[in-house]
Every structure is written in structure tokens, then in C-alpha cells.
Amino acid sequence: MDQGAVDTASGRASAPPATVATPQNASAPAPTQLIQPPRKRPGLALDLTLLGIVGALLVAAVFAAWGAIERHFYSPSAFVERYGDLLAEGRAADALALPGVAVSSAELEAAGLPPTASDALLRSAALAPISDVRVVSHEQDGDLTRVTVAYEARGYEGQTTFTVERNGSIGLAPTWRFAKSPLAVMNLGVTGSMVFDVNGFEIDKRQVSPEGADADPAAPVSLLVFSPGLYSVSVDTAISATPGVAVLSDSPFRAIPVNVQAQPTENFLSVVQEKVEEFLTSCATQEVLQPTACPFGYFVQDRIDSLPKWSIVQQPTVSVEADGAGWSILPTEAVAHIEVDIRSLFDGRVRSVSEDVPFVVKGTIAIRPDGTATIVVTGPDTN
């Protein structure tokens, strides 16, 4: 009998049989909490790569920004455009102060330009406005850069090419200078006046000529001018005037010949006409056959029997032309009338003469430094 059986007959109970656990009836173990393994951080190489990309982008942005700043403020084109803007704003002194603009007598002479050229026009008062200054092209030629700008000067469209070279640096910023000065020389000849205007700025030849007060009125004067620049030359005095000549200076370091012929004013001609008539009328008061210092007279071989009586029956129509610092009265015809009694040396007879005497008037007009004039009337054979 098995030990685990129940003895029902004797009423005794034996120990309960042991229960053997098997996989099929074994109780399930208590649940175990799962622990997640720690997440791995990206590798150092990836971090460095990302940092490198960000750094490269920052460097590229810095260089791009610096490139833009350099193009707009520190490039040859920016340097030339700055010069043009200064002229457009009428800031002549600032434009002249840019590197390479001002020139010496030696540099002018070496370029075949007058070394004594005056700087009287290198000022704001003598500048005509230019506008719409813009760079249209630039070309590298070794160490030189040729920059071309376009602009407008009182309706005139123009272009000027400048030559620029490196002039050192300020920190990282390059600096520039004109390799050839943008100035030019205007060789200006003005006939009919010692005084003239350039863009409304008055100049006396004696002030800008190296000969000073002894300046030759017929010789041109040399004046430095900016390029680009529009220069209107005119004469407007009580004696002479001209509508003016406009000259566009668009070629740096070149000579610009300009000639202006002033014409006498109507008021000046009227004064000369009046003075000539007064002079001839005064001559007619002399009761002689040959009035002294006068352009007319009467010649006879016999003896006069009465004092001659002169009158001017036709006054000349005066015209003048410029002659150096003064003017010349062009030869013109006039007519005087004489009345005189003449006694013949042969037979003593007296005959009355009443005759028109044609003559020619000419003369010179000298203009004094104070603007007044001296008129000298002569005849065709008078020196």
C-alpha cells in the first residue's frame, strides 16, 4: 500500500502525498521588471562634422559679406565712383584730395602739358553739376585697373575711363589711387576781352597767366580742369559779350583747346560811334585846310583868300573788331564839306570852292585795366 493512501478502514489518515512540481503544473514565476539599456550618444566624429559644416558656413558668410563690402567700398570701381560722386556734389576740394588727382609741374611737363597751368578752376564755384554717375565696366591690366564711368552733364551724355592702381591698405581693406591723374588742361584763348567767365566764375587773364600784368592778350591761358566736367566759357562785360562755348572734359590728362571770340556789345558800339562823331565834328571847327590830327583835309597850290569852313555831311558807320587787349576801328568812309575862297597865284583871280571831301576813318581802342577805353581816330595814312 502506498504511503500516501488513506486507510479508510482504520480511520487513520496518512501523510498527504507529496506533490512533485513539473513544468506543466509549476506555478509561473513572479514577473521581472525590464530595464532599458542606455541610449548611445552620437559619435564624436559626427559632432565634429556638424561643427565643421556650421563653421564653414559662417566663414563663407563672412567672406561673402566682406566681398560685398569690398566691392561696394574698397574696390577700384568704388574708388572711381566715389570720385565721381564728389564732383556731382560739388565737393571740388575733397575730389582733389583723393590719391593721384593733384599733379605737379614736373608731371605736367613730362606729359607734354603746360607746367604753369593754373588751378583757378579746381574749386566748387567753377564746377558744373554732373549726375547719374555709374560704373559701366572695369578691366584688369596687370597691376592696373581701367574703370569706365558714365554720367550726364547738363543733358550731355558722357563716358570717361580712369586708370587705377593699388595704394596699400588699411587693415584688411585695400586702398587705391589714380595711376594717371583725372585732371586735364584747358588751353583757353579768349579774343576781345581780358576777363571771361567759366561756369559763372570770373577770371582775368592777368590773374592766371605766368606773366601776370604783362600777359599777352592774344595768348591762350592754361587752366587745370576736372574730368569729367562740363565747362561753359563766356564773356559778359560792358564792352564785349559772347553766348559762350560749352566744352566737355572727358579725357584725363589731355590738352583741350578752346577758342572764344567775343563780340562788341551794342552799348559799346554806340559809345564808339558817338565819340568818333564828336571827334570829327571837333575837327571841322578848325579853320585850316589840313585840320591837325584829323583824317581829312584839302590841298591847293594857290593861296586861300578866306578861312576854310568845314562841316561833316556824312558821318561814318563805325564797326570794330578785337585786336589783342583792345579793339580796332575798321576803315570806313565818311564825307566832309569845305567852303573856301582861293586866289590864283597866276592871275590873282579868286574862286569860291564848295566841295565834298570823302575820307576814310579808322582807329584804335585801348582798354585800361579799370575797364575804361581810350579811342584814337586816324586816317588811312596815319601811323
Protein backbone atom coordinates (compact mmCIF):
# COMPACT_ATOMS: atom_id res chain seq x y z
CA MET A 1 0.00 0.00 0.00
CA ASP A 2 1.25 3.33 -0.90
CA GLN A 3 2.16 5.63 1.93
CA GLY A 4 0.07 8.35 0.60
CA ALA A 5 -3.13 6.40 0.52
CA VAL A 6 -5.97 6.89 3.00
CA ASP A 7 -6.80 3.98 5.24
CA THR A 8 -10.48 4.33 5.34
CA ALA A 9 -10.94 1.19 7.23
CA SER A 10 -8.91 2.12 10.23
CA GLY A 11 -9.91 5.72 10.13
CA ARG A 12 -6.31 6.81 10.05
CA ALA A 13 -5.03 9.24 7.76
CA SER A 14 -1.62 9.02 6.47
CA ALA A 15 0.50 11.98 5.48
CA PRO A 16 -0.67 13.57 2.35
CA PRO A 17 1.31 12.59 -0.63
CA ALA A 18 4.00 14.96 -1.81
CA THR A 19 3.24 16.87 -4.84
CA VAL A 20 6.02 16.92 -7.37
CA ALA A 21 6.14 20.10 -9.47
CA THR A 22 6.54 19.62 -13.13
CA PRO A 23 6.86 22.10 -15.92
CA GLN A 24 3.30 21.61 -16.83
CA ASN A 25 1.86 22.37 -13.43
CA ALA A 26 4.60 24.54 -11.96
CA SER A 27 3.43 27.87 -10.81
CA ALA A 28 4.56 30.92 -13.13
CA PRO A 29 7.44 32.86 -11.63
CA ALA A 30 6.85 36.37 -10.39
CA PRO A 31 7.11 38.94 -13.24
CA THR A 32 10.52 40.60 -13.58
CA GLN A 33 10.72 44.46 -14.44
CA LEU A 34 12.62 45.02 -17.73
CA ILE A 35 15.39 47.73 -17.64
CA GLN A 36 16.06 49.56 -20.96
CA PRO A 37 19.73 49.77 -21.86
CA PRO A 38 21.12 53.40 -22.01
CA ARG A 39 20.80 55.17 -25.43
CA LYS A 40 24.09 55.64 -27.15
CA ARG A 41 25.16 59.30 -27.93
CA PRO A 42 26.26 60.18 -31.49
CA GLY A 43 29.86 59.66 -32.14
CA LEU A 44 32.48 62.41 -31.76
CA ALA A 45 33.21 62.28 -35.48
CA LEU A 46 29.61 63.25 -36.27
CA ASP A 47 29.76 66.13 -33.80
CA LEU A 48 32.93 67.43 -35.33
CA THR A 49 31.49 67.11 -38.80
CA LEU A 50 28.45 69.15 -37.88
CA LEU A 51 30.60 71.78 -36.20
CA GLY A 52 32.81 71.91 -39.26
CA ILE A 53 29.84 72.43 -41.56
CA VAL A 54 28.48 75.22 -39.37
CA GLY A 55 31.93 76.84 -39.19
CA ALA A 56 32.39 76.59 -42.93
CA LEU A 57 29.02 78.23 -43.49
CA LEU A 58 29.91 81.02 -41.09
CA VAL A 59 33.27 81.57 -42.77
CA ALA A 60 31.62 81.57 -46.18
CA ALA A 61 29.05 84.08 -44.96
CA VAL A 62 31.79 86.29 -43.52
CA PHE A 63 33.79 86.15 -46.73
CA ALA A 64 30.68 86.81 -48.80
CA ALA A 65 29.81 89.78 -46.64
CA TRP A 66 33.37 91.07 -46.78
CA GLY A 67 33.42 90.59 -50.55
CA ALA A 68 30.25 92.63 -50.88
CA ILE A 69 31.64 95.34 -48.61
CA GLU A 70 34.92 95.37 -50.53
CA ARG A 71 33.14 95.66 -53.88
CA HIS A 72 30.96 98.50 -52.65
CA PHE A 73 33.53 100.41 -50.62
CA TYR A 74 37.09 99.24 -51.24
CA SER A 75 37.27 98.18 -54.90
CA PRO A 76 38.76 100.19 -57.80
CA SER A 77 35.24 100.75 -59.10
CA ALA A 78 34.10 102.06 -55.72
CA PHE A 79 37.12 104.38 -55.59
CA VAL A 80 36.33 105.88 -59.01
CA GLU A 81 32.62 106.11 -58.26
CA ARG A 82 33.46 107.96 -55.05
CA TYR A 83 35.45 110.49 -57.08
CA GLY A 84 32.52 110.97 -59.47
CA ASP A 85 30.08 111.39 -56.60
CA LEU A 86 32.27 114.11 -55.06
CA LEU A 87 32.22 116.04 -58.33
CA ALA A 88 28.46 115.55 -58.60
CA GLU A 89 28.10 117.01 -55.11
CA GLY A 90 30.32 119.98 -55.99
CA ARG A 91 32.99 118.98 -53.45
CA ALA A 92 35.99 120.01 -55.52
CA ALA A 93 38.45 120.16 -52.62
CA ASP A 94 37.58 116.62 -51.50
CA ALA A 95 37.87 115.29 -55.04
CA LEU A 96 41.24 116.99 -55.43
CA ALA A 97 42.43 115.38 -52.19
CA LEU A 98 41.91 111.82 -53.44
CA PRO A 99 45.20 109.99 -54.10
CA GLY A 100 46.56 110.57 -57.59
CA VAL A 101 44.36 113.55 -58.51
CA ALA A 102 46.66 116.52 -57.81
CA VAL A 103 49.63 116.89 -60.15
CA SER A 104 52.96 118.69 -60.06
CA SER A 105 54.55 120.91 -62.68
CA ALA A 106 57.06 118.16 -63.41
CA GLU A 107 54.29 115.64 -64.09
CA LEU A 108 52.53 118.08 -66.41
CA GLU A 109 55.72 118.80 -68.31
CA ALA A 110 56.54 115.08 -68.61
CA ALA A 111 53.10 114.53 -70.17
CA GLY A 112 53.65 117.34 -72.67
CA LEU A 113 51.21 119.67 -70.91
CA PRO A 114 51.87 123.29 -69.85
CA PRO A 115 53.71 123.09 -66.50
CA THR A 116 52.40 126.53 -65.49
CA ALA A 117 48.71 125.58 -65.86
CA SER A 118 46.63 127.43 -63.28
CA ASP A 119 44.48 125.64 -60.70
CA ALA A 120 41.96 128.52 -60.56
CA LEU A 121 39.12 126.29 -61.85
CA LEU A 122 39.71 123.47 -59.36
CA ARG A 123 37.10 124.83 -56.98
CA SER A 124 33.43 124.30 -56.29
CA ALA A 125 32.44 127.71 -57.68
CA ALA A 126 33.70 126.68 -61.13
CA LEU A 127 32.05 123.23 -61.25
CA ALA A 128 29.00 122.48 -63.37
CA PRO A 129 26.76 119.76 -61.96
CA ILE A 130 27.05 116.21 -63.24
CA SER A 131 24.60 113.47 -62.33
CA ASP A 132 23.80 109.77 -62.69
CA VAL A 133 27.44 108.75 -62.20
CA ARG A 134 27.74 104.98 -62.56
CA VAL A 135 30.41 102.41 -63.33
CA VAL A 136 29.73 100.65 -66.64
CA SER A 137 32.85 98.49 -66.92
CA HIS A 138 36.19 97.65 -65.36
CA GLU A 139 39.12 95.77 -66.85
CA GLN A 140 42.21 94.38 -65.18
CA ASP A 141 45.50 95.10 -66.94
CA GLY A 142 48.31 93.69 -64.84
CA ASP A 143 48.65 95.85 -61.75
CA LEU A 144 46.32 98.46 -63.27
CA THR A 145 42.55 98.55 -63.41
CA ARG A 146 40.71 100.56 -66.05
CA VAL A 147 37.34 101.73 -64.79
CA THR A 148 34.81 103.37 -67.12
CA VAL A 149 32.01 105.53 -65.73
CA ALA A 150 29.02 107.02 -67.49
CA TYR A 151 27.34 110.26 -66.41
CA GLU A 152 25.16 113.14 -67.52
CA ALA A 153 26.31 116.76 -67.63
CA ARG A 154 23.52 119.24 -68.34
CA GLY A 155 21.94 116.98 -70.91
CA TYR A 156 25.22 115.75 -72.36
CA GLU A 157 25.81 112.01 -72.03
CA GLY A 158 29.44 111.14 -71.49
CA GLN A 159 31.84 108.36 -70.58
CA THR A 160 35.33 108.57 -69.10
CA THR A 161 37.87 105.81 -68.46
CA PHE A 162 40.22 106.08 -65.48
CA THR A 163 43.37 104.11 -64.66
CA VAL A 164 43.61 102.97 -61.03
CA GLU A 165 46.36 101.17 -59.11
CA ARG A 166 46.80 99.72 -55.60
CA ASN A 167 47.87 102.22 -52.96
CA GLY A 168 48.41 100.00 -49.91
CA SER A 169 45.78 99.00 -47.36
CA ILE A 170 44.11 100.00 -44.12
CA GLY A 171 43.86 96.82 -42.05
CA LEU A 172 42.27 94.27 -44.37
CA ALA A 173 40.84 96.93 -46.67
CA PRO A 174 42.82 97.75 -49.84
CA THR A 175 43.30 101.38 -50.84
CA TRP A 176 43.60 102.79 -54.35
CA ARG A 177 44.93 105.78 -56.28
CA PHE A 178 44.69 107.14 -59.79
CA ALA A 179 47.66 105.84 -61.78
CA LYS A 180 47.03 108.73 -64.20
CA SER A 181 45.51 111.93 -62.86
CA PRO A 182 41.89 112.57 -63.90
CA LEU A 183 42.71 116.25 -64.39
CA ALA A 184 43.01 117.79 -67.86
CA VAL A 185 44.36 121.12 -69.16
CA MET A 186 42.12 123.57 -70.99
CA ASN A 187 44.18 125.85 -73.25
CA LEU A 188 41.77 128.74 -73.48
CA GLY A 189 42.10 131.59 -75.94
CA VAL A 190 39.68 134.48 -75.49
CA THR A 191 39.76 137.30 -78.03
CA GLY A 192 38.11 140.60 -77.28
CA SER A 193 38.37 140.62 -73.51
CA MET A 194 40.90 140.12 -70.74
CA VAL A 195 38.06 138.98 -68.49
CA PHE A 196 35.84 135.93 -69.01
CA ASP A 197 33.58 133.56 -67.09
CA VAL A 198 33.87 129.80 -66.72
CA ASN A 199 30.62 128.30 -65.41
CA GLY A 200 29.86 131.72 -63.98
CA PHE A 201 33.22 132.03 -62.20
CA GLU A 202 35.01 135.20 -63.35
CA ILE A 203 38.67 135.06 -64.34
CA ASP A 204 41.09 137.74 -65.52
CA LYS A 205 43.85 136.57 -67.84
CA ARG A 206 46.36 138.55 -65.81
CA GLN A 207 45.46 136.55 -62.71
CA VAL A 208 46.11 133.12 -64.23
CA SER A 209 48.90 133.86 -66.70
CA PRO A 210 52.50 133.30 -65.51
CA GLU A 211 53.30 136.75 -66.98
CA GLY A 212 50.82 138.41 -64.63
CA ALA A 213 50.04 142.02 -65.55
CA ASP A 214 52.21 141.67 -68.66
CA ALA A 215 50.13 138.79 -70.03
CA ASP A 216 49.81 138.73 -73.80
CA PRO A 217 46.11 139.39 -74.54
CA ALA A 218 46.26 137.24 -77.65
CA ALA A 219 47.94 134.25 -75.98
CA PRO A 220 45.82 131.41 -74.56
CA VAL A 221 45.87 130.69 -70.86
CA SER A 222 46.24 127.16 -69.48
CA LEU A 223 43.78 126.04 -66.81
CA LEU A 224 43.55 122.72 -64.97
CA VAL A 225 40.06 121.19 -65.04
CA PHE A 226 38.41 118.07 -63.67
CA SER A 227 37.45 115.12 -65.85
CA PRO A 228 34.61 114.54 -66.15
CA GLY A 229 33.46 118.12 -66.22
CA LEU A 230 31.40 120.47 -68.35
CA TYR A 231 32.89 123.95 -68.72
CA SER A 232 30.97 126.81 -70.30
CA VAL A 233 33.20 129.75 -71.29
CA SER A 234 31.60 133.10 -71.94
CA VAL A 235 32.29 136.83 -71.93
CA ASP A 236 29.82 139.29 -70.47
CA THR A 237 31.23 142.77 -69.97
CA ALA A 238 30.07 146.27 -70.86
CA ILE A 239 32.39 146.19 -73.87
CA SER A 240 32.10 142.68 -75.24
CA ALA A 241 30.00 139.55 -74.90
CA THR A 242 29.53 136.09 -76.32
CA PRO A 243 26.83 133.43 -75.89
CA GLY A 244 29.51 131.05 -74.66
CA VAL A 245 31.13 127.80 -75.67
CA ALA A 246 30.47 124.57 -73.75
CA VAL A 247 33.34 122.09 -73.50
CA LEU A 248 33.08 118.58 -72.04
CA SER A 249 36.31 117.45 -70.39
CA ASP A 250 36.13 113.67 -70.66
CA SER A 251 39.75 112.59 -71.27
CA PRO A 252 42.06 112.61 -68.24
CA PHE A 253 45.49 114.22 -68.53
CA ARG A 254 44.89 115.60 -72.01
CA ALA A 255 45.00 119.10 -73.52
CA ILE A 256 41.69 120.67 -74.53
CA PRO A 257 42.00 123.62 -76.95
CA VAL A 258 39.19 126.17 -76.69
CA ASN A 259 38.85 129.47 -78.56
CA VAL A 260 36.25 132.11 -77.84
CA GLN A 261 35.70 135.22 -79.98
CA ALA A 262 33.92 137.97 -78.07
CA GLN A 263 31.77 140.44 -79.97
CA PRO A 264 31.30 144.12 -79.14
CA THR A 265 28.14 144.97 -77.28
CA GLU A 266 25.57 147.32 -78.76
CA ASN A 267 26.26 149.79 -75.97
CA PHE A 268 29.98 149.73 -76.70
CA LEU A 269 29.41 150.31 -80.43
CA SER A 270 27.06 153.16 -79.63
CA VAL A 271 29.66 154.82 -77.43
CA VAL A 272 32.38 154.42 -80.05
CA GLN A 273 30.10 155.81 -82.75
CA GLU A 274 29.28 158.80 -80.58
CA LYS A 275 32.92 159.50 -79.75
CA VAL A 276 34.03 159.24 -83.37
CA GLU A 277 31.31 161.66 -84.45
CA GLU A 278 32.28 164.09 -81.69
CA PHE A 279 35.91 163.89 -82.75
CA LEU A 280 35.15 164.57 -86.43
CA THR A 281 32.81 167.41 -85.54
CA SER A 282 35.60 168.91 -83.44
CA CYS A 283 37.98 168.56 -86.41
CA ALA A 284 35.52 170.50 -88.54
CA THR A 285 35.85 173.54 -86.26
CA GLN A 286 39.45 174.10 -87.34
CA GLU A 287 39.65 176.83 -89.96
CA VAL A 288 42.58 175.39 -91.84
CA LEU A 289 42.95 173.34 -94.98
CA GLN A 290 44.53 170.44 -93.07
CA PRO A 291 42.91 170.13 -89.61
CA THR A 292 45.50 168.90 -87.12
CA ALA A 293 45.40 165.15 -86.23
CA CYS A 294 42.26 164.74 -88.32
CA PRO A 295 41.57 162.21 -91.07
CA PHE A 296 40.52 164.75 -93.72
CA GLY A 297 41.96 167.84 -95.39
CA TYR A 298 42.09 169.84 -98.61
CA PHE A 299 45.18 170.53 -100.70
CA VAL A 300 45.62 173.54 -103.03
CA GLN A 301 48.61 175.04 -104.85
CA ASP A 302 47.24 178.55 -104.79
CA ARG A 303 46.66 180.93 -101.91
CA ILE A 304 43.47 180.89 -99.84
CA ASP A 305 41.59 184.16 -99.67
CA SER A 306 39.27 183.24 -96.76
CA LEU A 307 39.34 180.97 -93.79
CA PRO A 308 38.15 177.46 -94.68
CA LYS A 309 34.81 176.38 -93.27
CA TRP A 310 34.43 172.68 -92.63
CA SER A 311 31.40 170.54 -91.87
CA ILE A 312 30.72 166.82 -91.70
CA VAL A 313 27.97 165.91 -94.13
CA GLN A 314 28.23 162.14 -93.73
CA GLN A 315 29.38 160.56 -90.52
CA PRO A 316 30.99 157.10 -90.75
CA THR A 317 29.15 153.96 -89.68
CA VAL A 318 31.61 152.54 -87.17
CA SER A 319 32.43 148.85 -86.82
CA VAL A 320 35.12 147.32 -84.64
CA GLU A 321 36.99 144.06 -84.22
CA ALA A 322 39.04 142.62 -81.40
CA ASP A 323 42.75 143.39 -81.57
CA GLY A 324 44.78 141.94 -78.72
CA ALA A 325 43.75 143.55 -75.46
CA GLY A 326 41.85 146.27 -77.33
CA TRP A 327 39.85 146.85 -80.47
CA SER A 328 40.38 148.28 -83.91
CA ILE A 329 38.02 150.64 -85.70
CA LEU A 330 37.71 149.15 -89.14
CA PRO A 331 38.28 151.50 -92.10
CA THR A 332 35.02 153.16 -93.08
CA GLU A 333 34.05 156.04 -95.33
CA ALA A 334 32.80 159.49 -94.35
CA VAL A 335 32.34 162.82 -96.12
CA ALA A 336 33.37 166.33 -95.04
CA HIS A 337 32.45 169.56 -96.81
CA ILE A 338 34.71 172.58 -97.30
CA GLU A 339 33.93 176.14 -98.31
CA VAL A 340 36.86 178.43 -99.03
CA ASP A 341 37.92 181.22 -101.39
CA ILE A 342 41.11 180.59 -103.30
CA ARG A 343 43.21 183.23 -105.09
CA SER A 344 45.18 182.16 -108.12
CA LEU A 345 48.88 182.81 -107.92
CA PHE A 346 48.97 183.10 -111.69
CA ASP A 347 46.43 185.84 -112.36
CA GLY A 348 45.13 186.80 -108.92
CA ARG A 349 41.60 185.71 -109.60
CA VAL A 350 39.51 184.45 -106.68
CA ARG A 351 37.29 181.45 -106.96
CA SER A 352 34.93 180.08 -104.36
CA VAL A 353 35.19 176.41 -103.54
CA SER A 354 32.27 174.45 -102.09
CA GLU A 355 33.17 170.83 -102.29
CA ASP A 356 32.53 167.49 -100.60
CA VAL A 357 35.70 165.77 -99.43
CA PRO A 358 35.44 161.99 -98.98
CA PHE A 359 37.81 160.46 -96.46
CA VAL A 360 38.38 157.18 -94.61
CA VAL A 361 38.21 156.78 -90.86
CA LYS A 362 39.96 154.09 -88.85
CA GLY A 363 41.40 153.94 -85.35
CA THR A 364 42.29 152.01 -82.25
CA ILE A 365 40.59 151.48 -78.91
CA ALA A 366 42.71 150.70 -75.87
CA ILE A 367 41.03 149.18 -72.84
CA ARG A 368 42.51 150.19 -69.49
CA PRO A 369 42.67 147.80 -66.51
CA ASP A 370 39.74 149.65 -64.91
CA GLY A 371 37.54 148.90 -67.94
CA THR A 372 37.55 152.38 -69.44
CA ALA A 373 38.52 152.91 -73.07
CA THR A 374 40.75 155.34 -74.98
CA ILE A 375 39.67 155.92 -78.59
CA VAL A 376 42.15 157.21 -81.16
CA VAL A 377 40.74 158.07 -84.61
CA THR A 378 43.16 158.21 -87.53
CA GLY A 379 43.15 158.38 -91.28
CA PRO A 380 44.33 155.65 -93.66
CA ASP A 381 47.88 157.01 -93.92
CA THR A 382 48.36 157.94 -90.27
CA ASN A 383 50.57 155.75 -88.09
